[in-house]
Amino acid sequence: MKHRGKFYSPIIYLLSCIILLANPVLSQEPEVNRGIDEKISKFLESRRNTWNEMNIPESDGKVLYDLIIKHNYKKALEIGTSTGHSAIWIGWALSKTGGRLITIEIDENRYKKALSNFEKAGISDYIDARLADAHKLVPVLEGQFDFVFCDADKDWYKNYLTAVLPKLEGGGCFTAHNVLNLRRNRGIQEFLDYVNNLPDLETTINQSSRSGISISYKPPNKLEMARNALTTYFSLLHDGRYSEAVSYYGGDYERLRNWNPVVEKNDYVTLFRNGCTGNGFNCLRIKNIVRERQLSPVEFQFIVEFMKNNGSLFIVYGYGQDPEDTDFSQ
């Protein structure tokens, strides 16, 4: 095995080996423009009961908004923009979680109206609107998503789900509109039969809407959650955000205290600060996860490479050794 970058801070060494998922972690809500809520509210109030061209009603917009806020979703996809009512509700929620929406519309006239509505609502910074055929774009769309809202051609719902499901993160959800209108929309029954029989999705239908919204959750992958927690943890340490890093730590508290016996009991912030700065180093971000495995339902092991601030691999050679004499087979 080739020589890997190592970092000899006690905290780094311990956490790069094992991290425990003792409690679920939600990201901190970022600072946002305080005026955005007022601007969006005024815009939506001015347009109340005027949304046509296949837009969703206000009540359904609130359902989508609440889902995103509740689960802290950040990477959203909408299939079928129309003139933007649903995207404004989704974008509004994402402005609070620090996320962003990709929304796709095939009709150029509706697309231009949506862009204008996003600008008037003050939500454009959170929306990447694309004029495209979703049949072609969705299958090749890059990236992972944690929230998807489908409100396009109903006879293609199953195909959209099939294309998006591999890109849907564990813990994410796929939502679809108009699923109670079985008589009026072709393909809805086929979609429901398909999604209800998928073993890796848990589907319910929110019937607060007359049209119905199906909500299909993809169970969280614990290894994926641990991986995200680990990389986030080291990023927070690197940035000096020790109080936020505390909620990600599940390691051996007594070992930390042994390294810092004079620190007040349960003062994790000081323990982390000392671990990152007391030895003359800075805590580094993770560059790559070389190997990973699950040891128990709540315990995971990672072998990682760290990176310098410029993104290059961080390597520490053996003390007193010349790099040319280092055994890279270890």
C-alpha atoms as a PDB file:
ATOM      1  CA  MET A   1       0.000   0.000   0.000  1.00  0.00           C
ATOM      2  CA  LYS A   2       1.352   3.435  -0.859  1.00  0.00           C
ATOM      3  CA  HIS A   3       2.326   5.888   1.866  1.00  0.00           C
ATOM      4  CA  ARG A   4      -0.631   8.041   2.917  1.00  0.00           C
ATOM      5  CA  GLY A   5      -0.706  11.521   4.389  1.00  0.00           C
ATOM      6  CA  LYS A   6      -0.899  11.440   8.180  1.00  0.00           C
ATOM      7  CA  PHE A   7      -1.576  14.107  10.771  1.00  0.00           C
ATOM      8  CA  TYR A   8      -0.270  13.570  14.260  1.00  0.00           C
ATOM      9  CA  SER A   9      -2.741  15.583  16.304  1.00  0.00           C
ATOM     10  CA  PRO A  10      -4.325  13.258  18.933  1.00  0.00           C
ATOM     11  CA  ILE A  11      -7.838  14.379  18.051  1.00  0.00           C
ATOM     12  CA  ILE A  12      -7.229  13.928  14.326  1.00  0.00           C
ATOM     13  CA  TYR A  13      -5.808  10.463  14.796  1.00  0.00           C
ATOM     14  CA  LEU A  14      -8.634   9.255  16.993  1.00  0.00           C
ATOM     15  CA  LEU A  15     -11.458  10.631  14.872  1.00  0.00           C
ATOM     16  CA  SER A  16      -9.947   9.515  11.576  1.00  0.00           C
ATOM     17  CA  CYS A  17     -10.080   5.981  12.917  1.00  0.00           C
ATOM     18  CA  ILE A  18     -13.527   5.762  14.534  1.00  0.00           C
ATOM     19  CA  ILE A  19     -16.568   8.004  14.676  1.00  0.00           C
ATOM     20  CA  LEU A  20     -19.780   7.063  16.466  1.00  0.00           C
ATOM     21  CA  LEU A  21     -23.265   8.119  15.395  1.00  0.00           C
ATOM     22  CA  ALA A  22     -24.533   8.789  18.885  1.00  0.00           C
ATOM     23  CA  ASN A  23     -27.083  11.403  17.835  1.00  0.00           C
ATOM     24  CA  PRO A  24     -28.399  12.722  14.510  1.00  0.00           C
ATOM     25  CA  VAL A  25     -26.809  16.004  13.483  1.00  0.00           C
ATOM     26  CA  LEU A  26     -28.482  18.923  11.746  1.00  0.00           C
ATOM     27  CA  SER A  27     -26.475  21.693  10.175  1.00  0.00           C
ATOM     28  CA  GLN A  28     -26.672  25.126  11.629  1.00  0.00           C
ATOM     29  CA  GLU A  29     -29.040  27.486   9.833  1.00  0.00           C
ATOM     30  CA  PRO A  30     -26.902  30.006   7.936  1.00  0.00           C
ATOM     31  CA  GLU A  31     -27.207  33.745   8.178  1.00  0.00           C
ATOM     32  CA  VAL A  32     -29.583  34.960   5.465  1.00  0.00           C
ATOM     33  CA  ASN A  33     -30.810  38.297   4.301  1.00  0.00           C
ATOM     34  CA  ARG A  34     -33.306  39.324   6.932  1.00  0.00           C
ATOM     35  CA  GLY A  35     -35.378  41.076   4.304  1.00  0.00           C
ATOM     36  CA  ILE A  36     -35.935  38.039   2.095  1.00  0.00           C
ATOM     37  CA  ASP A  37     -38.885  36.703   4.123  1.00  0.00           C
ATOM     38  CA  GLU A  38     -40.711  40.000   3.903  1.00  0.00           C
ATOM     39  CA  LYS A  39     -40.035  40.372   0.187  1.00  0.00           C
ATOM     40  CA  ILE A  40     -41.213  36.867  -0.690  1.00  0.00           C
ATOM     41  CA  SER A  41     -44.274  37.169   1.553  1.00  0.00           C
ATOM     42  CA  LYS A  42     -45.313  40.432  -0.087  1.00  0.00           C
ATOM     43  CA  PHE A  43     -44.806  38.994  -3.558  1.00  0.00           C
ATOM     44  CA  LEU A  44     -46.815  35.847  -2.840  1.00  0.00           C
ATOM     45  CA  GLU A  45     -49.582  37.900  -1.227  1.00  0.00           C
ATOM     46  CA  SER A  46     -49.758  40.135  -4.302  1.00  0.00           C
ATOM     47  CA  ARG A  47     -50.124  37.069  -6.535  1.00  0.00           C
ATOM     48  CA  ARG A  48     -52.518  35.085  -4.354  1.00  0.00           C
ATOM     49  CA  ASN A  49     -55.218  33.245  -6.368  1.00  0.00           C
ATOM     50  CA  THR A  50     -53.640  34.362  -9.663  1.00  0.00           C
ATOM     51  CA  TRP A  51     -51.382  31.373 -10.303  1.00  0.00           C
ATOM     52  CA  ASN A  52     -52.548  29.396 -13.305  1.00  0.00           C
ATOM     53  CA  GLU A  53     -50.671  27.588 -16.090  1.00  0.00           C
ATOM     54  CA  MET A  54     -50.480  24.358 -14.068  1.00  0.00           C
ATOM     55  CA  ASN A  55     -48.953  25.902 -10.944  1.00  0.00           C
ATOM     56  CA  ILE A  56     -49.576  24.296  -7.556  1.00  0.00           C
ATOM     57  CA  PRO A  57     -51.876  25.965  -4.987  1.00  0.00           C
ATOM     58  CA  GLU A  58     -50.480  27.820  -1.984  1.00  0.00           C
ATOM     59  CA  SER A  59     -51.327  24.984   0.418  1.00  0.00           C
ATOM     60  CA  ASP A  60     -49.119  22.595  -1.552  1.00  0.00           C
ATOM     61  CA  GLY A  61     -46.306  25.126  -1.615  1.00  0.00           C
ATOM     62  CA  LYS A  62     -46.411  25.190   2.176  1.00  0.00           C
ATOM     63  CA  VAL A  63     -46.178  21.376   2.274  1.00  0.00           C
ATOM     64  CA  LEU A  64     -42.980  21.477   0.208  1.00  0.00           C
ATOM     65  CA  TYR A  65     -41.579  24.331   2.288  1.00  0.00           C
ATOM     66  CA  ASP A  66     -42.203  22.474   5.544  1.00  0.00           C
ATOM     67  CA  LEU A  67     -40.602  19.257   4.258  1.00  0.00           C
ATOM     68  CA  ILE A  68     -37.376  21.041   3.346  1.00  0.00           C
ATOM     69  CA  ILE A  69     -37.158  22.931   6.626  1.00  0.00           C
ATOM     70  CA  LYS A  70     -37.982  19.867   8.732  1.00  0.00           C
ATOM     71  CA  HIS A  71     -35.276  17.706   7.144  1.00  0.00           C
ATOM     72  CA  ASN A  72     -32.739  20.467   6.439  1.00  0.00           C
ATOM     73  CA  TYR A  73     -32.603  19.596   2.739  1.00  0.00           C
ATOM     74  CA  LYS A  74     -30.099  21.540   0.643  1.00  0.00           C
ATOM     75  CA  LYS A  75     -29.841  19.963  -2.827  1.00  0.00           C
ATOM     76  CA  ALA A  76     -33.215  20.204  -4.533  1.00  0.00           C
ATOM     77  CA  LEU A  77     -34.478  19.335  -7.998  1.00  0.00           C
ATOM     78  CA  GLU A  78     -37.821  20.333  -9.496  1.00  0.00           C
ATOM     79  CA  ILE A  79     -39.123  18.723 -12.677  1.00  0.00           C
ATOM     80  CA  GLY A  80     -41.698  21.079 -14.185  1.00  0.00           C
ATOM     81  CA  THR A  81     -41.285  24.745 -13.252  1.00  0.00           C
ATOM     82  CA  SER A  82     -44.362  26.199 -14.953  1.00  0.00           C
ATOM     83  CA  THR A  83     -44.192  29.916 -14.078  1.00  0.00           C
ATOM     84  CA  GLY A  84     -42.467  29.353 -10.764  1.00  0.00           C
ATOM     85  CA  HIS A  85     -44.938  29.228  -7.883  1.00  0.00           C
ATOM     86  CA  SER A  86     -43.667  25.941  -6.442  1.00  0.00           C
ATOM     87  CA  ALA A  87     -40.035  26.901  -7.066  1.00  0.00           C
ATOM     88  CA  ILE A  88     -40.501  30.080  -5.020  1.00  0.00           C
ATOM     89  CA  TRP A  89     -41.749  28.048  -2.039  1.00  0.00           C
ATOM     90  CA  ILE A  90     -38.897  25.553  -2.444  1.00  0.00           C
ATOM     91  CA  GLY A  91     -36.310  28.301  -2.925  1.00  0.00           C
ATOM     92  CA  TRP A  92     -37.643  30.166   0.107  1.00  0.00           C
ATOM     93  CA  ALA A  93     -37.062  27.102   2.296  1.00  0.00           C
ATOM     94  CA  LEU A  94     -33.614  26.560   0.795  1.00  0.00           C
ATOM     95  CA  SER A  95     -32.673  30.141   1.634  1.00  0.00           C
ATOM     96  CA  LYS A  96     -32.951  29.071   5.275  1.00  0.00           C
ATOM     97  CA  THR A  97     -31.088  25.755   4.981  1.00  0.00           C
ATOM     98  CA  GLY A  98     -28.307  27.127   2.782  1.00  0.00           C
ATOM     99  CA  GLY A  99     -29.376  25.087  -0.228  1.00  0.00           C
ATOM    100  CA  ARG A 100     -30.083  25.613  -3.909  1.00  0.00           C
ATOM    101  CA  LEU A 101     -32.702  24.439  -6.414  1.00  0.00           C
ATOM    102  CA  ILE A 102     -32.356  23.225  -9.990  1.00  0.00           C
ATOM    103  CA  THR A 103     -35.702  23.567 -11.770  1.00  0.00           C
ATOM    104  CA  ILE A 104     -36.464  22.430 -15.313  1.00  0.00           C
ATOM    105  CA  GLU A 105     -39.097  23.813 -17.711  1.00  0.00           C
ATOM    106  CA  ILE A 106     -39.609  22.845 -21.356  1.00  0.00           C
ATOM    107  CA  ASP A 107     -41.880  25.711 -22.443  1.00  0.00           C
ATOM    108  CA  GLU A 108     -39.929  28.893 -23.225  1.00  0.00           C
ATOM    109  CA  ASN A 109     -42.812  31.266 -22.484  1.00  0.00           C
ATOM    110  CA  ARG A 110     -43.442  29.757 -19.048  1.00  0.00           C
ATOM    111  CA  TYR A 111     -39.693  29.663 -18.404  1.00  0.00           C
ATOM    112  CA  LYS A 112     -39.334  33.407 -19.042  1.00  0.00           C
ATOM    113  CA  LYS A 113     -42.297  34.180 -16.805  1.00  0.00           C
ATOM    114  CA  ALA A 114     -40.730  32.064 -14.059  1.00  0.00           C
ATOM    115  CA  LEU A 115     -37.441  33.971 -14.299  1.00  0.00           C
ATOM    116  CA  SER A 116     -39.327  37.231 -13.943  1.00  0.00           C
ATOM    117  CA  ASN A 117     -41.245  35.914 -10.928  1.00  0.00           C
ATOM    118  CA  PHE A 118     -38.034  34.720  -9.253  1.00  0.00           C
ATOM    119  CA  GLU A 119     -36.511  38.160  -9.693  1.00  0.00           C
ATOM    120  CA  LYS A 120     -39.580  39.955  -8.328  1.00  0.00           C
ATOM    121  CA  ALA A 121     -39.743  37.615  -5.342  1.00  0.00           C
ATOM    122  CA  GLY A 122     -36.057  38.156  -4.604  1.00  0.00           C
ATOM    123  CA  ILE A 123     -35.300  34.438  -4.719  1.00  0.00           C
ATOM    124  CA  SER A 124     -33.156  34.190  -7.888  1.00  0.00           C
ATOM    125  CA  ASP A 125     -29.914  33.554  -5.989  1.00  0.00           C
ATOM    126  CA  TYR A 126     -31.272  30.238  -4.743  1.00  0.00           C
ATOM    127  CA  ILE A 127     -32.651  28.943  -8.048  1.00  0.00           C
ATOM    128  CA  ASP A 128     -30.873  27.551 -11.105  1.00  0.00           C
ATOM    129  CA  ALA A 129     -33.637  27.618 -13.730  1.00  0.00           C
ATOM    130  CA  ARG A 130     -33.026  25.616 -16.900  1.00  0.00           C
ATOM    131  CA  LEU A 131     -34.923  25.666 -20.182  1.00  0.00           C
ATOM    132  CA  ALA A 132     -34.755  22.040 -21.289  1.00  0.00           C
ATOM    133  CA  ASP A 133     -36.579  18.818 -22.047  1.00  0.00           C
ATOM    134  CA  ALA A 134     -36.628  16.962 -18.721  1.00  0.00           C
ATOM    135  CA  HIS A 135     -36.890  13.639 -20.578  1.00  0.00           C
ATOM    136  CA  LYS A 136     -33.352  14.264 -21.827  1.00  0.00           C
ATOM    137  CA  LEU A 137     -31.840  16.359 -19.023  1.00  0.00           C
ATOM    138  CA  VAL A 138     -32.860  14.457 -15.892  1.00  0.00           C
ATOM    139  CA  PRO A 139     -31.081  11.178 -16.805  1.00  0.00           C
ATOM    140  CA  VAL A 140     -27.771  12.994 -17.433  1.00  0.00           C
ATOM    141  CA  LEU A 141     -28.044  15.561 -14.638  1.00  0.00           C
ATOM    142  CA  GLU A 142     -24.944  15.418 -12.447  1.00  0.00           C
ATOM    143  CA  GLY A 143     -24.840  15.535  -8.702  1.00  0.00           C
ATOM    144  CA  GLN A 144     -26.731  14.149  -5.750  1.00  0.00           C
ATOM    145  CA  PHE A 145     -30.096  15.443  -4.515  1.00  0.00           C
ATOM    146  CA  ASP A 146     -31.862  15.220  -1.184  1.00  0.00           C
ATOM    147  CA  PHE A 147     -35.207  16.662  -2.300  1.00  0.00           C
ATOM    148  CA  VAL A 148     -37.061  16.186  -5.596  1.00  0.00           C
ATOM    149  CA  PHE A 149     -40.436  17.606  -6.610  1.00  0.00           C
ATOM    150  CA  CYS A 150     -42.002  16.203  -9.768  1.00  0.00           C
ATOM    151  CA  ASP A 151     -44.882  18.080 -11.393  1.00  0.00           C
ATOM    152  CA  ALA A 152     -44.429  17.493 -15.113  1.00  0.00           C
ATOM    153  CA  ASP A 153     -45.993  15.035 -17.589  1.00  0.00           C
ATOM    154  CA  LYS A 154     -47.726  12.405 -15.483  1.00  0.00           C
ATOM    155  CA  ASP A 155     -47.188   9.503 -17.856  1.00  0.00           C
ATOM    156  CA  TRP A 156     -43.434  10.015 -17.361  1.00  0.00           C
ATOM    157  CA  TYR A 157     -43.442  10.043 -13.529  1.00  0.00           C
ATOM    158  CA  LYS A 158     -42.122   6.502 -13.301  1.00  0.00           C
ATOM    159  CA  ASN A 159     -39.300   7.305 -15.718  1.00  0.00           C
ATOM    160  CA  TYR A 160     -38.339  10.429 -13.766  1.00  0.00           C
ATOM    161  CA  LEU A 161     -38.196   8.440 -10.548  1.00  0.00           C
ATOM    162  CA  THR A 162     -36.102   5.723 -12.157  1.00  0.00           C
ATOM    163  CA  ALA A 163     -33.621   8.313 -13.439  1.00  0.00           C
ATOM    164  CA  VAL A 164     -33.407  10.246 -10.163  1.00  0.00           C
ATOM    165  CA  LEU A 165     -33.423   7.434  -7.600  1.00  0.00           C
ATOM    166  CA  PRO A 166     -29.691   6.558  -7.940  1.00  0.00           C
ATOM    167  CA  LYS A 167     -28.921  10.252  -7.329  1.00  0.00           C
ATOM    168  CA  LEU A 168     -31.220  10.570  -4.312  1.00  0.00           C
ATOM    169  CA  GLU A 169     -29.265  10.644  -1.067  1.00  0.00           C
ATOM    170  CA  GLY A 170     -30.151   8.483   1.888  1.00  0.00           C
ATOM    171  CA  GLY A 171     -32.644  10.369   4.016  1.00  0.00           C
ATOM    172  CA  GLY A 172     -33.839  12.334   0.989  1.00  0.00           C
ATOM    173  CA  CYS A 173     -37.307  12.271  -0.535  1.00  0.00           C
ATOM    174  CA  PHE A 174     -38.977  12.213  -3.934  1.00  0.00           C
ATOM    175  CA  THR A 175     -42.297  14.067  -4.049  1.00  0.00           C
ATOM    176  CA  ALA A 176     -44.835  13.986  -6.866  1.00  0.00           C
ATOM    177  CA  HIS A 177     -47.897  16.173  -7.466  1.00  0.00           C
ATOM    178  CA  ASN A 178     -51.431  15.280  -8.585  1.00  0.00           C
ATOM    179  CA  VAL A 179     -51.247  11.669  -7.449  1.00  0.00           C
ATOM    180  CA  LEU A 180     -54.927  11.590  -6.432  1.00  0.00           C
ATOM    181  CA  ASN A 181     -56.119  12.524  -9.917  1.00  0.00           C
ATOM    182  CA  LEU A 182     -56.078   8.985 -11.221  1.00  0.00           C
ATOM    183  CA  ARG A 183     -58.870   9.460 -13.760  1.00  0.00           C
ATOM    184  CA  ARG A 184     -57.548  12.656 -15.305  1.00  0.00           C
ATOM    185  CA  ASN A 185     -53.853  11.802 -15.570  1.00  0.00           C
ATOM    186  CA  ARG A 186     -52.414   8.863 -17.394  1.00  0.00           C
ATOM    187  CA  GLY A 187     -49.471   7.145 -15.767  1.00  0.00           C
ATOM    188  CA  ILE A 188     -50.282   8.072 -12.151  1.00  0.00           C
ATOM    189  CA  GLN A 189     -51.544   4.600 -11.255  1.00  0.00           C
ATOM    190  CA  GLU A 190     -48.518   2.999 -12.906  1.00  0.00           C
ATOM    191  CA  PHE A 191     -46.252   5.343 -10.955  1.00  0.00           C
ATOM    192  CA  LEU A 192     -47.982   4.619  -7.627  1.00  0.00           C
ATOM    193  CA  ASP A 193     -47.920   0.853  -8.184  1.00  0.00           C
ATOM    194  CA  TYR A 194     -44.217   1.078  -8.976  1.00  0.00           C
ATOM    195  CA  VAL A 195     -43.147   3.367  -6.125  1.00  0.00           C
ATOM    196  CA  ASN A 196     -45.201   1.490  -3.518  1.00  0.00           C
ATOM    197  CA  ASN A 197     -43.401  -1.733  -4.389  1.00  0.00           C
ATOM    198  CA  LEU A 198     -39.872  -0.372  -4.213  1.00  0.00           C
ATOM    199  CA  PRO A 199     -38.138  -1.868  -1.149  1.00  0.00           C
ATOM    200  CA  ASP A 200     -35.795   1.110  -0.731  1.00  0.00           C
ATOM    201  CA  LEU A 201     -38.535   3.769  -0.546  1.00  0.00           C
ATOM    202  CA  GLU A 202     -41.161   4.463   2.117  1.00  0.00           C
ATOM    203  CA  THR A 203     -44.122   6.211   0.476  1.00  0.00           C
ATOM    204  CA  THR A 204     -47.109   8.037   1.891  1.00  0.00           C
ATOM    205  CA  ILE A 205     -49.581  10.449   0.320  1.00  0.00           C
ATOM    206  CA  ASN A 206     -50.206  13.864   1.852  1.00  0.00           C
ATOM    207  CA  GLN A 207     -53.904  14.423   1.324  1.00  0.00           C
ATOM    208  CA  SER A 208     -54.114  17.941   2.735  1.00  0.00           C
ATOM    209  CA  SER A 209     -54.018  18.888  -0.932  1.00  0.00           C
ATOM    210  CA  ARG A 210     -57.003  18.098  -3.152  1.00  0.00           C
ATOM    211  CA  SER A 211     -54.542  16.909  -5.805  1.00  0.00           C
ATOM    212  CA  GLY A 212     -52.422  14.828  -3.449  1.00  0.00           C
ATOM    213  CA  ILE A 213     -48.652  14.817  -3.000  1.00  0.00           C
ATOM    214  CA  SER A 214     -46.792  11.520  -2.744  1.00  0.00           C
ATOM    215  CA  ILE A 215     -43.772  11.657  -0.426  1.00  0.00           C
ATOM    216  CA  SER A 216     -41.262   8.851  -0.843  1.00  0.00           C
ATOM    217  CA  TYR A 217     -38.383   8.725   1.642  1.00  0.00           C
ATOM    218  CA  LYS A 218     -35.158   6.900   0.927  1.00  0.00           C
ATOM    219  CA  PRO A 219     -33.942   5.392   4.229  1.00  0.00           C
ATOM    220  CA  PRO A 220     -30.661   6.937   5.364  1.00  0.00           C
ATOM    221  CA  ASN A 221     -27.500   4.994   4.664  1.00  0.00           C
ATOM    222  CA  LYS A 222     -25.676   4.943   7.988  1.00  0.00           C
ATOM    223  CA  LEU A 223     -22.251   4.605   6.414  1.00  0.00           C
ATOM    224  CA  GLU A 224     -23.007   7.592   4.195  1.00  0.00           C
ATOM    225  CA  MET A 225     -24.167   9.582   7.223  1.00  0.00           C
ATOM    226  CA  ALA A 226     -20.998   8.708   9.112  1.00  0.00           C
ATOM    227  CA  ARG A 227     -18.856   9.705   6.130  1.00  0.00           C
ATOM    228  CA  ASN A 228     -20.594  13.066   5.852  1.00  0.00           C
ATOM    229  CA  ALA A 229     -20.316  13.613   9.602  1.00  0.00           C
ATOM    230  CA  LEU A 230     -16.595  12.840   9.550  1.00  0.00           C
ATOM    231  CA  THR A 231     -15.764  15.218   6.692  1.00  0.00           C
ATOM    232  CA  THR A 232     -17.959  17.943   8.160  1.00  0.00           C
ATOM    233  CA  TYR A 233     -16.312  17.506  11.564  1.00  0.00           C
ATOM    234  CA  PHE A 234     -12.802  18.063  10.250  1.00  0.00           C
ATOM    235  CA  SER A 235     -13.917  20.993   8.116  1.00  0.00           C
ATOM    236  CA  LEU A 236     -15.391  22.656  11.207  1.00  0.00           C
ATOM    237  CA  LEU A 237     -12.180  22.043  13.168  1.00  0.00           C
ATOM    238  CA  HIS A 238     -10.114  23.475  10.313  1.00  0.00           C
ATOM    239  CA  ASP A 239     -12.280  26.602  10.281  1.00  0.00           C
ATOM    240  CA  GLY A 240     -12.025  27.015  14.048  1.00  0.00           C
ATOM    241  CA  ARG A 241     -15.767  26.426  14.534  1.00  0.00           C
ATOM    242  CA  TYR A 242     -15.206  24.264  17.597  1.00  0.00           C
ATOM    243  CA  SER A 243     -18.602  24.757  19.216  1.00  0.00           C
ATOM    244  CA  GLU A 244     -20.297  23.400  16.069  1.00  0.00           C
ATOM    245  CA  ALA A 245     -17.836  20.506  15.865  1.00  0.00           C
ATOM    246  CA  VAL A 246     -18.867  19.324  19.335  1.00  0.00           C
ATOM    247  CA  SER A 247     -22.181  17.900  18.107  1.00  0.00           C
ATOM    248  CA  TYR A 248     -20.333  15.689  15.584  1.00  0.00           C
ATOM    249  CA  TYR A 249     -17.944  14.113  18.071  1.00  0.00           C
ATOM    250  CA  GLY A 250     -18.628  10.595  19.347  1.00  0.00           C
ATOM    251  CA  GLY A 251     -15.160   9.513  20.401  1.00  0.00           C
ATOM    252  CA  ASP A 252     -13.442   8.738  23.697  1.00  0.00           C
ATOM    253  CA  TYR A 253     -13.959  11.674  26.071  1.00  0.00           C
ATOM    254  CA  GLU A 254     -11.619  10.349  28.769  1.00  0.00           C
ATOM    255  CA  ARG A 255      -8.759  10.133  26.305  1.00  0.00           C
ATOM    256  CA  LEU A 256      -9.260  13.770  25.400  1.00  0.00           C
ATOM    257  CA  ARG A 257      -9.198  14.672  29.105  1.00  0.00           C
ATOM    258  CA  ASN A 258      -5.983  12.701  29.625  1.00  0.00           C
ATOM    259  CA  TRP A 259      -4.301  14.845  26.990  1.00  0.00           C
ATOM    260  CA  ASN A 260      -5.657  18.020  28.603  1.00  0.00           C
ATOM    261  CA  PRO A 261      -6.122  17.277  32.338  1.00  0.00           C
ATOM    262  CA  VAL A 262      -6.346  20.956  33.335  1.00  0.00           C
ATOM    263  CA  VAL A 263      -9.315  21.668  31.096  1.00  0.00           C
ATOM    264  CA  GLU A 264     -12.644  21.959  32.864  1.00  0.00           C
ATOM    265  CA  LYS A 265     -14.807  18.847  32.656  1.00  0.00           C
ATOM    266  CA  ASN A 266     -16.987  18.608  29.521  1.00  0.00           C
ATOM    267  CA  ASP A 267     -15.362  21.695  27.975  1.00  0.00           C
ATOM    268  CA  TYR A 268     -15.133  20.135  24.525  1.00  0.00           C
ATOM    269  CA  VAL A 269     -14.565  23.463  22.798  1.00  0.00           C
ATOM    270  CA  THR A 270     -11.297  24.029  24.669  1.00  0.00           C
ATOM    271  CA  LEU A 271     -10.275  20.404  24.193  1.00  0.00           C
ATOM    272  CA  PHE A 272     -10.758  20.702  20.440  1.00  0.00           C
ATOM    273  CA  ARG A 273      -9.022  24.074  20.272  1.00  0.00           C
ATOM    274  CA  ASN A 274      -6.019  22.706  22.158  1.00  0.00           C
ATOM    275  CA  GLY A 275      -5.944  19.621  19.974  1.00  0.00           C
ATOM    276  CA  CYS A 276      -5.914  21.688  16.802  1.00  0.00           C
ATOM    277  CA  THR A 277      -3.605  24.543  17.819  1.00  0.00           C
ATOM    278  CA  GLY A 278      -1.677  23.421  20.896  1.00  0.00           C
ATOM    279  CA  ASN A 279       0.813  21.273  18.993  1.00  0.00           C
ATOM    280  CA  GLY A 280       1.745  23.907  16.452  1.00  0.00           C
ATOM    281  CA  PHE A 281      -0.356  22.415  13.662  1.00  0.00           C
ATOM    282  CA  ASN A 282      -3.743  23.317  12.256  1.00  0.00           C
ATOM    283  CA  CYS A 283      -6.485  20.745  11.885  1.00  0.00           C
ATOM    284  CA  LEU A 284      -6.793  19.806   8.236  1.00  0.00           C
ATOM    285  CA  ARG A 285      -9.676  18.966   5.947  1.00  0.00           C
ATOM    286  CA  ILE A 286     -10.111  15.479   4.538  1.00  0.00           C
ATOM    287  CA  LYS A 287      -8.995  15.115   0.923  1.00  0.00           C
ATOM    288  CA  ASN A 288      -9.994  11.513   0.258  1.00  0.00           C
ATOM    289  CA  ILE A 289     -11.472   8.580   2.129  1.00  0.00           C
ATOM    290  CA  VAL A 290      -9.217   5.687   1.166  1.00  0.00           C
ATOM    291  CA  ARG A 291     -11.076   2.900   2.936  1.00  0.00           C
ATOM    292  CA  GLU A 292     -14.227   2.651   5.033  1.00  0.00           C
ATOM    293  CA  ARG A 293     -16.216  -0.047   6.785  1.00  0.00           C
ATOM    294  CA  GLN A 294     -19.042  -0.428   9.292  1.00  0.00           C
ATOM    295  CA  LEU A 295     -17.985  -2.118  12.544  1.00  0.00           C
ATOM    296  CA  SER A 296     -21.362  -2.142  14.297  1.00  0.00           C
ATOM    297  CA  PRO A 297     -24.771  -0.496  13.870  1.00  0.00           C
ATOM    298  CA  VAL A 298     -23.325   2.754  15.285  1.00  0.00           C
ATOM    299  CA  GLU A 299     -19.552   2.404  14.768  1.00  0.00           C
ATOM    300  CA  PHE A 300     -17.563   3.040  11.598  1.00  0.00           C
ATOM    301  CA  GLN A 301     -13.907   2.953  10.606  1.00  0.00           C
ATOM    302  CA  PHE A 302     -12.229   5.252   8.074  1.00  0.00           C
ATOM    303  CA  ILE A 303      -8.743   5.534   6.609  1.00  0.00           C
ATOM    304  CA  VAL A 304      -8.320   9.003   5.193  1.00  0.00           C
ATOM    305  CA  GLU A 305      -5.929  11.342   3.418  1.00  0.00           C
ATOM    306  CA  PHE A 306      -5.714  14.949   4.598  1.00  0.00           C
ATOM    307  CA  MET A 307      -5.018  17.954   2.444  1.00  0.00           C
ATOM    308  CA  LYS A 308      -3.163  21.226   2.746  1.00  0.00           C
ATOM    309  CA  ASN A 309      -4.966  24.535   2.344  1.00  0.00           C
ATOM    310  CA  ASN A 310      -4.065  24.547  -1.366  1.00  0.00           C
ATOM    311  CA  GLY A 311      -5.786  21.189  -1.850  1.00  0.00           C
ATOM    312  CA  SER A 312      -2.636  19.085  -2.241  1.00  0.00           C
ATOM    313  CA  LEU A 313      -2.017  15.913  -0.263  1.00  0.00           C
ATOM    314  CA  PHE A 314      -0.598  16.463   3.223  1.00  0.00           C
ATOM    315  CA  ILE A 315       2.282  14.073   3.984  1.00  0.00           C
ATOM    316  CA  VAL A 316       4.339  13.753   7.155  1.00  0.00           C
ATOM    317  CA  TYR A 317       7.443  11.617   6.797  1.00  0.00           C
ATOM    318  CA  GLY A 318       8.963   9.691   9.679  1.00  0.00           C
ATOM    319  CA  TYR A 319      10.849  11.900  12.078  1.00  0.00           C
ATOM    320  CA  GLY A 320      14.512  12.237  11.086  1.00  0.00           C
ATOM    321  CA  GLN A 321      13.894  10.465   7.785  1.00  0.00           C
ATOM    322  CA  ASP A 322      14.702  11.730   4.370  1.00  0.00           C
ATOM    323  CA  PRO A 323      11.759  11.333   1.946  1.00  0.00           C
ATOM    324  CA  GLU A 324      14.048   9.373  -0.373  1.00  0.00           C
ATOM    325  CA  ASP A 325      14.601   6.798   2.393  1.00  0.00           C
ATOM    326  CA  THR A 326      10.946   6.443   3.344  1.00  0.00           C
ATOM    327  CA  ASP A 327       9.422   2.985   2.895  1.00  0.00           C
ATOM    328  CA  PHE A 328       6.306   3.656   0.803  1.00  0.00           C
ATOM    329  CA  SER A 329       5.252   0.013   0.903  1.00  0.00           C
ATOM    330  CA  GLN A 330       3.851   0.391   4.442  1.00  0.00           C
END
